[in-house]
Amino acid sequence: MFLCCRRAPAQVLAEAGFILMFQLEFERAVNFLLKCNTLDPGELFLFYPQFTAPWLTLAPPKYYWGLHSPPEEMSRVIAQSPKLRGARTVRPRPTGAARGAAGAAGVSGTIDQAQMDAILPHARSAIARFMATIRGRLTTGNQSPHLTAQAPGVDTLLAHLYLEGGQVADLEALMTFSNSCDLDKVGAALKEAGRYHALALLLERRGREHEAVRIWQSLALGELKETTASSGATAVVGEGRAFVVGLQEAARVLASSADEAFVLSNVNWILEISSESALDVLTSTVRQQPLRFASVMELLRKPHEAGRSGTGAGSSSATLCRRYLEHVVYGLASTAEEHHTELALSLLSEALNHREGAAQRGGGEERIAAAQGAAAARDGEEGIRDTEMELGLAQRRRLEEFLNQSQCYNLDTLIAAITNTSLWDAQVILYREAQNHQAALRVLAVNIKDFKRAEQYCAIIARQSGEGQEAYLALLELYLHPGPGEEPMYTEAIQLISAPGVNLNPLRVLDTLSEDTPLKLAVGPLLRILRERTHARRHHQLVLGLKKANHQAAKELWVGSRSQRVQMTNDSACMKCHTRLSRSDGGEARFFAVYPNQAMVCYRCLRQGDQSEFIDPISGRDFRAQPARPQMPDPQMLDRLEIQDLDRS
């Protein structure tokens, strides 16, 4: 009866839709109404006047052809439907939709209550689908002011329909995005129904983040309980759902907030339950201006309980401070000395307190013994010990890498903090940066007895700064006079003197040697040093003599070249073309050239063809390959001798 083509007039589609609505065929009715492009959404407000009363005057009902009854409250439409006539008459109980001014108390007809309860959800679902589709059209394109004014009624009605129908997921999706719901009406309904997550989303959308975060805090802490439903972020039955969602949503809002006081005041309770979420809030890059460094550090230094979030375990205050400082230094690329020094001190503190922290995290032996027995407990104890060692090694490496990479920390502060500790490698790095090579060598040679690294350290100093002689002598001094309570290391001292590439001044070595040094151990290395010094001196004299000879030969050639003369007469002619070089009129002679072998040619023969000026055009001799002057010592050979001389010296 109501089949129509897509070109059917809008009035026909609307009339068919309303007729089907009163015949309780709600889904078919909505299909027709959605095809009608002239239907105002406000025309359906009369079906739920208790929710849409403020907007009823914006879209007065249209009767079209008058084939359907005037729209009225949905419970009346169902009660007066011809399909339900003859059913057992039972007074319908008041529903949530009938508690308004136009409630079901005024329904004239009676209907079987079971049928009423079965039909109302279908009506709500169909009208909700219509409103959801219409609001999508209202938010796209340019709409008339008349339709725009009805948008709050559409969103408010849709929210109430979702709420009564238990469509919690759809309700939360509506609250998440931009909407025009009446905040007072919808907010009160959500609060009464126990839909706190949806209420918080609505408040956030309206710019009331403080109230929204307070609700999520209450959900996370268990102060508010969400009503159970089959859908929804927090309504689904499951342990910790409200806790996780409340924590995540509060952290999301705080991470983008520019209100520092608001953020820091709420991070306190987040820290108590999830240090990871709190750190995400403090290190968020969404906000344009980062939080003040001093305020965040003051907050993180306060003691907090271990987190109980399912998303991450709690962290100590020292660990939180260190991670925040890493964000400031690496994430924000800060070059402030204060930040780098604080991070270095934090890494240093973690490395020093590792054993104490491992003890506080103990209990692994008891847990393993209770779960797996004595044998498994021993295996677990070994595994825990290995893990602790790896963790301590990783912390020390992190500290050493930072000290090597950064150039912005305060050396005096860190050296004062690391002195008298067992972090030897970090001490060596700091002493090296402070140019205190004596202290660095003492750590390597005396404290940890790593003689190979000590000699490598001296070699590096020799390559970088040219102070290798002083570094090797300082190391020799440490070997021979290590300090109170330490035995002299004569063997290492002799090995250092005898090491290839370690060229020490014999006089300074003798001054360094103590009276207790065994003479039989020192004689051999000292004789070798003296022989090398003698050889180096003689080699230097040889190089010097060759250089003098080369200089003298070059000077002799220069004097000989300066003394050469060319005598021109009227009979002088080019030796190649025999053209006279003098002019018959007594003027200046033509241009000519004289080669080292006294061959004289005119300028024309000199430039004849592509022949080089270094080639004698008469004999064809190339003076570059066969010079006329005596061969001098090879300069490259002298340079090589000089380099060898410097190496030996």
Foldseek 3Di string as FASTA:
>chain_A
DLDDDLPDALLSLQVVLQVVVLLLVLQVSLVSNVSRPVDALLQQCQQQCQQQVVCNVLDDHDCRVVPHDRRHHVLLSVQPRPVFPPADFDAADWDPSQPGPNHPVPRPGGGDRVVSVVRVLVNLVSSLVSLVVVLVVVVDDDDDVSNVVCQQVSLRSNLVSCLRNLVAVVLLVSLQDDGNHDLVVSLVVCVVQQVLQSNLSNCVNVVNNLVSLVSLLCQLVVVGAHDAGCDDQRRDDDPCSSNVVSLVVSLVVLLQDPPQVSNLVVLQSSLQAPLVSSLCSQLRPNYPDHDDPVSVLVSLCDFHHWHNDPVDIHDGSLVSQLVSLCCVCPVVVDLAQVSLQSNLVSLVVCLQCLVVVLVVVDPQLVVQCVPPNDVSSVVSVVVSVVVSVVVSVVSLVVSLVSLVPHDRYDLVVVQVVCPPHPSLSSNLSSCVVVVVLLVNLLSCCPVVNPLVVLLVVLVVCCVPPVCSQVSLLSNLLCQQDVDPPDDRNLVSSLCSLQPPPRQYDLVSVVVSDDPPRDPVSNVVSSVVNVVLVVVLVVLVVVLVVLVVQLVVLVVVVVVVVVPDDDDDDQCDAQPPPRHGQADPVRDDGAAWDADPVRHIHGPCLCPPDPDDNQADSVPRDRCVVPPPGDDGDDVVVSVVSVVVSVSSD
